[in-house]
Amino acid sequence: MANSRILVKRRKAVRNIAKITRTMELIATARFKKAMDRATEAAAYTKKINEIVADLAGANLSFSHPLLQKPAEEQNVAVLVLTSNRGLCGGFNGGLLRLAMARLREFKAEGKNIRLEVSGKRGLSAMKYEKIAVDQAYTQFEDKPGFDEVNEIASRFVADFISGKLHRLDIVYQKFQNAARQAPVVETILPIGDLSGATASGSSGIEYEFLPSASQILEEIVPAAFKARFFKCFLDAAVGEQIARRVAMKAAHENAQDMIKSISMQYNRARQSQITSELSEIIGGAAALE
């Protein structure tokens, strides 16, 4: 009887967990759809403006923007790691942190001056555990990163790069390709030549007419291209987090359902054994009275 009661309590507890994981799965699904819509809307703009920058970078222009030029040295480097504020999202943060640690070890071995910036409480906790100093921490970004907040960070990186305080910027984030494919990556996004992809190596054949002048247009479009790509990284990270959480919660819910079935079978067997034992006692007592 005691064993049956324990199984009933355990099954009830697992059912409660299953309800929680199912709810979290639905919430993650809703947030994922909204985050994916934002990332998709930004993707077309980001792609086109980067194509234009690639064409301009490959054209024979007498003017060039500092963000397009690779510094003579790469002594001062920055690494920005985009993690989540919350857990329960599978291996999302683990994959990002492994890449980040590898890049930090690489820079350290090369003797570079490293500035580490981390977004997300999970990443900050990991760096604290590893006893790695973080120069700048961000915890305000959830599933809806705002452009104004991200733009403030991007503007600071642009200013530091142009002034020579920064020679290279690497960002570690979850790159979104489609609903079924995401992967943690490390991308060098400053100098901006790495943003424009393979087309940056040469012109696409498009001829541009500049009005009022190439220098004035490049002064606006090159930083805008970087900021758009920078913001897209934050949007991709938000999508990746919600996908990872949805997958993790779905797996947890399915495991809870399997546990409920297993416990129910154990309870039925225990109950059957108990009933059989009681019947045996009643039959034995009746036989003794005869």
Protein backbone atom coordinates (compact mmCIF):
# COMPACT_ATOMS: atom_id res chain seq x y z
CA MET A 1 0.00 0.00 0.00
CA ALA A 2 2.85 2.35 0.89
CA ASN A 3 4.55 1.63 -2.43
CA SER A 4 1.36 2.47 -4.35
CA ARG A 5 1.01 5.79 -2.54
CA ILE A 6 4.61 6.72 -3.38
CA LEU A 7 4.00 5.95 -7.04
CA VAL A 8 0.80 8.04 -7.06
CA LYS A 9 2.65 11.03 -5.57
CA ARG A 10 5.52 10.60 -8.01
CA ARG A 11 3.18 10.42 -10.99
CA LYS A 12 1.39 13.55 -9.85
CA ALA A 13 4.71 15.41 -9.53
CA VAL A 14 5.80 14.34 -13.02
CA ARG A 15 2.43 15.42 -14.45
CA ASN A 16 2.93 18.85 -12.94
CA ILE A 17 6.39 19.04 -14.53
CA ALA A 18 4.90 17.98 -17.88
CA LYS A 19 2.40 20.84 -17.67
CA ILE A 20 5.18 23.33 -16.96
CA THR A 21 7.42 22.11 -19.80
CA ARG A 22 4.47 22.13 -22.23
CA THR A 23 3.64 25.71 -21.25
CA MET A 24 7.26 26.78 -21.66
CA GLU A 25 7.37 25.10 -25.06
CA LEU A 26 4.31 27.05 -26.22
CA ILE A 27 5.74 30.34 -24.90
CA ALA A 28 9.06 29.69 -26.65
CA THR A 29 7.20 28.90 -29.88
CA ALA A 30 5.28 32.17 -29.76
CA ARG A 31 8.41 34.17 -28.99
CA PHE A 32 10.34 32.36 -31.71
CA LYS A 33 7.80 33.30 -34.37
CA LYS A 34 7.94 36.97 -33.40
CA ALA A 35 11.74 36.98 -33.23
CA MET A 36 12.01 35.17 -36.58
CA ASP A 37 9.73 37.74 -38.22
CA ARG A 38 12.00 40.54 -37.02
CA ALA A 39 15.13 38.73 -38.19
CA THR A 40 13.59 37.97 -41.58
CA GLU A 41 12.52 41.56 -42.08
CA ALA A 42 16.03 42.79 -41.28
CA ALA A 43 17.75 40.17 -43.44
CA ALA A 44 16.78 41.66 -46.82
CA TYR A 45 17.92 45.15 -45.85
CA THR A 46 21.16 43.88 -44.33
CA LYS A 47 21.96 41.75 -47.36
CA LYS A 48 21.33 44.53 -49.87
CA ILE A 49 23.27 47.22 -48.06
CA ASN A 50 26.21 44.84 -47.62
CA GLU A 51 26.11 44.05 -51.35
CA ILE A 52 26.29 47.76 -52.12
CA VAL A 53 29.23 48.19 -49.76
CA ALA A 54 30.93 45.19 -51.39
CA ASP A 55 30.50 46.73 -54.83
CA LEU A 56 31.82 50.07 -53.67
CA ALA A 57 34.76 48.45 -51.91
CA GLY A 58 35.68 46.61 -55.11
CA ALA A 59 35.24 49.64 -57.36
CA ASN A 60 38.12 51.85 -58.39
CA LEU A 61 37.30 54.77 -56.13
CA SER A 62 39.75 57.37 -54.95
CA PHE A 63 37.98 57.49 -51.61
CA SER A 64 37.83 54.70 -49.04
CA HIS A 65 36.20 54.54 -45.63
CA PRO A 66 38.32 53.62 -42.56
CA LEU A 67 35.92 50.78 -41.68
CA LEU A 68 36.78 49.12 -45.01
CA GLN A 69 40.53 49.19 -44.43
CA LYS A 70 42.40 46.52 -42.53
CA PRO A 71 44.69 48.10 -39.91
CA ALA A 72 48.42 47.68 -40.26
CA GLU A 73 48.39 45.80 -36.96
CA GLU A 74 45.82 43.80 -35.01
CA GLN A 75 47.05 44.29 -31.49
CA ASN A 76 43.85 45.61 -29.90
CA VAL A 77 40.99 43.16 -30.42
CA ALA A 78 37.48 42.92 -28.99
CA VAL A 79 35.35 39.83 -28.55
CA LEU A 80 31.59 40.18 -28.04
CA VAL A 81 29.73 37.06 -26.86
CA LEU A 82 25.93 36.90 -27.15
CA THR A 83 24.40 34.43 -24.69
CA SER A 84 21.02 34.20 -22.96
CA ASN A 85 19.82 35.57 -19.64
CA ARG A 86 17.97 32.36 -18.79
CA GLY A 87 18.70 28.68 -19.02
CA LEU A 88 16.52 25.69 -20.02
CA CYS A 89 17.60 26.06 -23.64
CA GLY A 90 19.67 22.92 -24.16
CA GLY A 91 23.20 23.37 -25.44
CA PHE A 92 22.61 26.91 -26.74
CA ASN A 93 24.97 28.65 -24.32
CA GLY A 94 27.44 25.78 -24.10
CA GLY A 95 28.21 25.84 -27.82
CA LEU A 96 28.69 29.60 -27.83
CA LEU A 97 30.96 29.59 -24.80
CA ARG A 98 33.18 26.85 -26.22
CA LEU A 99 33.79 28.93 -29.34
CA ALA A 100 34.37 32.06 -27.28
CA MET A 101 36.90 30.35 -25.01
CA ALA A 102 38.77 28.96 -28.02
CA ARG A 103 39.00 32.40 -29.64
CA LEU A 104 40.13 34.01 -26.38
CA ARG A 105 42.85 31.38 -25.97
CA GLU A 106 43.95 32.00 -29.55
CA PHE A 107 44.23 35.75 -29.04
CA LYS A 108 45.99 35.29 -25.71
CA ALA A 109 48.55 32.96 -27.30
CA GLU A 110 49.22 35.63 -29.95
CA GLY A 111 49.82 38.23 -27.24
CA LYS A 112 46.99 40.54 -28.24
CA ASN A 113 45.26 43.08 -26.02
CA ILE A 114 41.78 41.63 -25.53
CA ARG A 115 38.62 43.50 -24.66
CA LEU A 116 35.88 41.04 -23.70
CA GLU A 117 32.23 42.06 -23.74
CA VAL A 118 29.45 39.62 -22.84
CA SER A 119 25.69 39.85 -23.27
CA GLY A 120 23.56 37.53 -21.14
CA LYS A 121 23.65 36.36 -17.55
CA ARG A 122 24.63 32.82 -18.54
CA GLY A 123 27.74 34.01 -20.31
CA LEU A 124 28.65 36.31 -17.45
CA SER A 125 28.28 33.45 -14.96
CA ALA A 126 30.54 31.25 -17.09
CA MET A 127 33.22 33.93 -17.32
CA LYS A 128 33.04 34.48 -13.58
CA TYR A 129 33.46 30.74 -13.01
CA GLU A 130 36.47 30.66 -15.36
CA LYS A 131 37.85 33.77 -13.61
CA ILE A 132 37.99 35.73 -16.86
CA ALA A 133 37.57 39.49 -16.55
CA VAL A 134 34.70 41.02 -18.52
CA ASP A 135 35.19 44.62 -19.65
CA GLN A 136 31.54 45.30 -20.49
CA ALA A 137 28.41 43.37 -19.49
CA TYR A 138 24.90 43.56 -20.94
CA THR A 139 21.81 41.96 -19.43
CA GLN A 140 19.04 44.08 -20.95
CA PHE A 141 18.63 42.12 -24.20
CA GLU A 142 15.89 39.48 -24.22
CA ASP A 143 13.92 38.11 -27.18
CA LYS A 144 13.24 41.64 -28.50
CA PRO A 145 16.54 43.54 -28.71
CA GLY A 146 15.92 47.21 -29.52
CA PHE A 147 17.80 48.89 -32.33
CA ASP A 148 18.53 52.03 -30.30
CA GLU A 149 20.23 50.05 -27.52
CA VAL A 150 22.25 47.95 -29.97
CA ASN A 151 23.08 50.98 -32.10
CA GLU A 152 24.68 52.67 -29.09
CA ILE A 153 27.09 49.76 -28.73
CA ALA A 154 27.76 49.63 -32.47
CA SER A 155 28.52 53.36 -32.58
CA ARG A 156 31.09 52.94 -29.82
CA PHE A 157 32.84 50.16 -31.75
CA VAL A 158 32.84 52.29 -34.91
CA ALA A 159 34.36 55.25 -33.07
CA ASP A 160 37.04 53.09 -31.43
CA PHE A 161 37.94 51.45 -34.75
CA ILE A 162 38.23 54.75 -36.62
CA SER A 163 40.31 56.31 -33.83
CA GLY A 164 42.69 53.33 -33.80
CA LYS A 165 41.79 52.14 -30.29
CA LEU A 166 40.34 48.97 -31.81
CA HIS A 167 41.86 46.94 -34.65
CA ARG A 168 39.45 44.01 -34.87
CA LEU A 169 36.03 42.99 -33.59
CA ASP A 170 34.89 39.35 -33.35
CA ILE A 171 31.34 38.43 -32.37
CA VAL A 172 30.25 35.02 -31.08
CA TYR A 173 26.56 34.33 -31.62
CA GLN A 174 24.00 31.79 -32.81
CA LYS A 175 23.63 32.33 -36.56
CA PHE A 176 20.10 31.81 -37.87
CA GLN A 177 19.74 30.24 -41.32
CA ASN A 178 16.23 28.82 -41.15
CA ALA A 179 13.87 27.27 -38.62
CA ALA A 180 15.72 23.95 -38.84
CA ARG A 181 19.31 25.20 -39.04
CA GLN A 182 21.19 27.37 -36.58
CA ALA A 183 24.80 27.15 -35.55
CA PRO A 184 27.14 28.95 -33.14
CA VAL A 185 29.72 30.94 -35.10
CA VAL A 186 32.57 33.38 -34.60
CA GLU A 187 32.60 36.18 -37.17
CA THR A 188 35.03 39.02 -37.63
CA ILE A 189 32.82 42.02 -38.43
CA LEU A 190 35.41 44.77 -38.19
CA PRO A 191 37.00 45.67 -40.54
CA ILE A 192 33.79 45.67 -42.50
CA GLY A 193 35.29 43.86 -45.49
CA ASP A 194 34.39 40.58 -43.79
CA LEU A 195 30.73 41.59 -43.65
CA SER A 196 30.18 41.80 -47.35
CA GLY A 197 31.06 38.21 -48.11
CA ALA A 198 32.69 36.79 -51.19
CA THR A 199 31.54 39.66 -53.43
CA ALA A 200 33.87 42.02 -51.57
CA SER A 201 36.83 40.65 -53.53
CA GLY A 202 35.66 42.30 -56.71
CA SER A 203 33.07 44.51 -58.33
CA SER A 204 29.74 43.07 -59.52
CA GLY A 205 29.88 45.18 -62.70
CA ILE A 206 27.32 47.72 -61.48
CA GLU A 207 28.23 51.32 -62.21
CA TYR A 208 27.26 53.93 -59.62
CA GLU A 209 26.71 57.64 -60.04
CA PHE A 210 27.37 59.58 -56.86
CA LEU A 211 25.39 62.64 -55.90
CA PRO A 212 26.54 64.77 -54.17
CA SER A 213 29.85 62.84 -53.89
CA ALA A 214 31.23 59.36 -53.25
CA SER A 215 32.90 60.46 -50.02
CA GLN A 216 29.71 61.85 -48.48
CA ILE A 217 27.68 58.78 -49.45
CA LEU A 218 30.29 56.36 -48.14
CA GLU A 219 30.49 58.28 -44.89
CA GLU A 220 26.83 57.37 -44.34
CA ILE A 221 26.39 53.98 -45.97
CA VAL A 222 29.47 52.18 -44.63
CA PRO A 223 28.70 52.72 -40.91
CA ALA A 224 25.03 51.97 -41.66
CA ALA A 225 26.04 48.64 -43.22
CA PHE A 226 28.06 47.71 -40.16
CA LYS A 227 25.30 48.70 -37.75
CA ALA A 228 22.70 46.74 -39.72
CA ARG A 229 24.90 43.63 -39.65
CA PHE A 230 25.66 44.15 -35.98
CA PHE A 231 21.97 44.43 -35.12
CA LYS A 232 21.22 41.34 -37.23
CA CYS A 233 23.58 39.35 -34.98
CA PHE A 234 21.46 40.26 -31.96
CA LEU A 235 18.27 39.32 -33.80
CA ASP A 236 19.76 35.97 -34.85
CA ALA A 237 20.84 35.31 -31.26
CA ALA A 238 17.29 35.97 -30.01
CA VAL A 239 15.81 33.58 -32.59
CA GLY A 240 18.37 30.89 -31.81
CA GLU A 241 17.68 31.08 -28.09
CA GLN A 242 13.93 30.60 -28.52
CA ILE A 243 14.40 27.72 -30.96
CA ALA A 244 16.79 26.02 -28.56
CA ARG A 245 14.39 26.52 -25.66
CA ARG A 246 11.45 25.21 -27.67
CA VAL A 247 13.37 22.07 -28.66
CA ALA A 248 14.60 21.52 -25.10
CA MET A 249 11.14 21.95 -23.57
CA LYS A 250 9.55 19.69 -26.17
CA ALA A 251 12.08 16.96 -25.39
CA ALA A 252 11.51 17.46 -21.64
CA HIS A 253 7.72 17.22 -22.12
CA GLU A 254 8.04 14.03 -24.13
CA ASN A 255 10.35 12.53 -21.50
CA ALA A 256 7.85 13.47 -18.78
CA GLN A 257 5.06 11.72 -20.72
CA ASP A 258 7.21 8.60 -21.01
CA MET A 259 7.88 8.72 -17.28
CA ILE A 260 4.15 9.02 -16.55
CA LYS A 261 3.46 5.92 -18.64
CA SER A 262 6.26 4.03 -16.90
CA ILE A 263 5.08 5.04 -13.41
CA SER A 264 1.47 4.18 -14.31
CA MET A 265 2.58 0.69 -15.32
CA GLN A 266 4.49 0.29 -12.07
CA TYR A 267 1.44 1.50 -10.13
CA ASN A 268 -0.89 -0.92 -11.93
CA ARG A 269 1.44 -3.81 -11.20
CA ALA A 270 1.76 -2.80 -7.56
CA ARG A 271 -2.01 -2.39 -7.26
CA GLN A 272 -2.61 -5.73 -8.94
CA SER A 273 -0.15 -7.42 -6.61
CA GLN A 274 -1.84 -5.78 -3.62
CA ILE A 275 -5.31 -6.91 -4.73
CA THR A 276 -4.04 -10.44 -5.35
CA SER A 277 -2.48 -10.51 -1.89
CA GLU A 278 -5.72 -9.29 -0.26
CA LEU A 279 -7.78 -11.89 -2.13
CA SER A 280 -5.38 -14.59 -1.03
CA GLU A 281 -5.75 -13.50 2.58
CA ILE A 282 -9.57 -13.50 2.35
CA ILE A 283 -9.63 -16.95 0.72
CA GLY A 284 -7.16 -18.27 3.29
CA GLY A 285 -9.26 -16.88 6.15
CA ALA A 286 -12.45 -18.41 4.74
CA ALA A 287 -10.77 -21.78 4.37
CA ALA A 288 -9.57 -21.63 7.98
CA LEU A 289 -13.11 -21.01 9.22
CA GLU A 290 -14.32 -24.14 7.49
